[in-house]
Amino acid sequence: MAQSTMTSRRYLVLAVITLTAAFGDTLLARGMKTLGPVSPRHPAELIHAIFSPWVAAGIVLLIGFLASYLSALSWADLTYVLPASSLGYVVMTVLARWWLREHVSPVRWLGVLFITAGVGFVTRGPSRTDNDPELPHAHEKELAVR
């Protein structure tokens, strides 16, 4: 039962990563479309953009993404987390198409199909491989702290 709970928690973290990234990016795009062009050469425009409601909401979700991503990297390899969380690109494409009314070409939809297939392959494998011998194991870190 404990293994099942751990697996469920891992999939939940991957789902949070996927959804916060997709919705965060989509909210940023929505906000920036209402503001218009902003140049990095004009910091006041950037600060104004950060505090607009859509962009601010996107930033909050992307902070949630970062927290979840860090959590996932603590128990899984980057080569597992990054491809598994790339399902967010699929969600983002669907949101961009139907909420932002962006045109998504057939070639892009084909790319979405490939991403979905790739995520399926990655999540069937182990989430963690043997650690790098130069990196301390978690239990060795705990012993070093004591």
Protein backbone atom coordinates (compact mmCIF):
# COMPACT_ATOMS: atom_id res chain seq x y z
CA MET A 1 0.00 0.00 0.00
CA ALA A 2 2.85 2.39 0.82
CA GLN A 3 4.33 1.95 -2.68
CA SER A 4 0.93 2.72 -4.23
CA THR A 5 0.61 5.88 -2.14
CA MET A 6 4.12 6.97 -3.11
CA THR A 7 3.38 6.37 -6.80
CA SER A 8 0.13 8.34 -6.51
CA ARG A 9 1.97 11.23 -4.86
CA ARG A 10 4.60 11.23 -7.59
CA TYR A 11 1.97 11.35 -10.31
CA LEU A 12 0.20 14.12 -8.40
CA VAL A 13 3.42 16.18 -8.29
CA LEU A 14 3.93 15.59 -12.04
CA ALA A 15 0.32 16.67 -12.66
CA VAL A 16 0.85 19.86 -10.62
CA ILE A 17 4.04 20.58 -12.60
CA THR A 18 2.18 20.02 -15.86
CA LEU A 19 -0.85 22.14 -15.02
CA THR A 20 0.92 25.03 -13.29
CA ALA A 21 3.36 25.38 -16.18
CA ALA A 22 0.64 25.25 -18.83
CA PHE A 23 -1.78 27.59 -17.09
CA GLY A 24 1.01 29.90 -15.91
CA ASP A 25 2.41 30.31 -19.42
CA THR A 26 -1.06 30.75 -20.88
CA LEU A 27 -1.92 33.46 -18.35
CA LEU A 28 1.36 35.24 -19.12
CA ALA A 29 0.51 35.15 -22.84
CA ARG A 30 -3.03 36.41 -22.16
CA GLY A 31 -1.72 39.27 -20.06
CA MET A 32 0.97 40.31 -22.51
CA LYS A 33 -1.47 40.30 -25.42
CA THR A 34 -3.58 42.87 -23.57
CA LEU A 35 -0.54 45.03 -22.74
CA GLY A 36 1.14 45.03 -26.12
CA PRO A 37 4.85 45.12 -26.88
CA VAL A 38 7.25 45.54 -23.93
CA SER A 39 10.97 46.09 -24.29
CA PRO A 40 13.62 44.97 -21.78
CA ARG A 41 15.19 48.37 -22.38
CA HIS A 42 12.28 49.99 -20.55
CA PRO A 43 12.20 48.55 -17.01
CA ALA A 44 9.12 50.59 -16.09
CA GLU A 45 7.12 48.76 -18.78
CA LEU A 46 8.30 45.42 -17.41
CA ILE A 47 7.34 46.34 -13.86
CA HIS A 48 3.95 47.52 -15.07
CA ALA A 49 3.50 44.17 -16.89
CA ILE A 50 4.44 42.16 -13.79
CA PHE A 51 1.69 43.83 -11.79
CA SER A 52 -1.07 43.41 -14.35
CA PRO A 53 -3.62 40.83 -13.13
CA TRP A 54 -3.17 38.19 -15.86
CA VAL A 55 0.63 38.33 -15.75
CA ALA A 56 0.71 38.35 -11.93
CA ALA A 57 -1.54 35.28 -11.84
CA GLY A 58 0.74 33.57 -14.35
CA ILE A 59 3.77 34.38 -12.22
CA VAL A 60 2.11 32.91 -9.13
CA LEU A 61 1.37 29.69 -11.02
CA LEU A 62 4.92 29.54 -12.35
CA ILE A 63 6.23 29.88 -8.79
CA GLY A 64 4.03 26.87 -7.95
CA PHE A 65 5.54 25.11 -10.95
CA LEU A 66 9.06 25.81 -9.69
CA ALA A 67 8.27 24.51 -6.19
CA SER A 68 6.73 21.32 -7.61
CA TYR A 69 9.59 20.90 -10.06
CA LEU A 70 12.15 21.17 -7.28
CA SER A 71 10.21 18.58 -5.30
CA ALA A 72 10.15 16.18 -8.24
CA LEU A 73 13.88 16.58 -8.85
CA SER A 74 14.49 15.56 -5.24
CA TRP A 75 13.14 12.06 -5.89
CA ALA A 76 13.53 11.53 -9.63
CA ASP A 77 16.08 12.01 -12.36
CA LEU A 78 15.95 15.08 -14.57
CA THR A 79 15.72 12.72 -17.56
CA TYR A 80 12.45 11.43 -16.07
CA VAL A 81 10.93 14.66 -14.71
CA LEU A 82 11.48 16.91 -17.71
CA PRO A 83 9.99 14.58 -20.36
CA ALA A 84 7.18 13.46 -18.04
CA SER A 85 6.25 17.06 -17.29
CA SER A 86 6.36 18.01 -20.97
CA LEU A 87 2.73 16.96 -21.15
CA GLY A 88 2.27 20.60 -20.11
CA TYR A 89 3.08 21.55 -23.71
CA VAL A 90 0.05 19.55 -24.79
CA VAL A 91 -2.19 21.27 -22.23
CA MET A 92 -0.75 24.67 -23.16
CA THR A 93 -1.40 24.05 -26.87
CA VAL A 94 -5.02 23.12 -26.16
CA LEU A 95 -5.44 26.22 -23.95
CA ALA A 96 -3.81 28.45 -26.56
CA ARG A 97 -6.08 27.07 -29.27
CA TRP A 98 -9.42 27.26 -27.46
CA TRP A 99 -8.93 29.98 -24.85
CA LEU A 100 -6.51 32.35 -26.58
CA ARG A 101 -7.93 31.54 -30.04
CA GLU A 102 -4.46 30.97 -31.52
CA HIS A 103 -4.12 29.05 -34.78
CA VAL A 104 -2.46 25.67 -34.32
CA SER A 105 -1.34 24.14 -37.60
CA PRO A 106 -1.65 20.41 -38.36
CA VAL A 107 2.13 20.08 -38.05
CA ARG A 108 1.96 21.48 -34.51
CA TRP A 109 -0.84 19.05 -33.64
CA LEU A 110 1.38 16.26 -34.96
CA GLY A 111 4.11 17.51 -32.63
CA VAL A 112 1.61 17.40 -29.74
CA LEU A 113 0.87 13.78 -30.65
CA PHE A 114 4.61 12.95 -30.58
CA ILE A 115 5.00 14.67 -27.21
CA THR A 116 2.12 12.65 -25.81
CA ALA A 117 3.65 9.41 -27.08
CA GLY A 118 7.04 10.35 -25.66
CA VAL A 119 5.56 11.09 -22.24
CA GLY A 120 3.99 7.64 -22.31
CA PHE A 121 7.36 6.02 -22.95
CA VAL A 122 9.16 7.99 -20.25
CA THR A 123 6.63 7.43 -17.46
CA ARG A 124 6.76 3.66 -17.97
CA GLY A 125 10.44 3.58 -17.02
CA PRO A 126 12.04 4.02 -13.61
CA SER A 127 11.98 7.50 -12.13
CA ARG A 128 15.43 7.17 -10.60
CA THR A 129 18.60 5.51 -11.85
CA ASP A 130 21.75 4.77 -9.90
CA ASN A 131 23.10 7.96 -8.40
CA ASP A 132 26.24 9.58 -9.64
CA PRO A 133 29.10 8.33 -7.45
CA GLU A 134 30.21 11.93 -6.87
CA LEU A 135 26.84 12.95 -5.44
CA PRO A 136 26.15 11.96 -1.82
CA HIS A 137 23.13 9.77 -1.18
CA ALA A 138 20.34 11.24 0.92
CA HIS A 139 21.16 9.05 3.93
CA GLU A 140 24.83 10.05 3.73
CA LYS A 141 23.80 13.72 3.83
CA GLU A 142 21.77 13.05 6.97
CA LEU A 143 24.74 11.34 8.63
CA ALA A 144 27.02 14.24 7.71
CA VAL A 145 24.64 16.72 9.33
CA ARG A 146 24.55 14.82 12.67
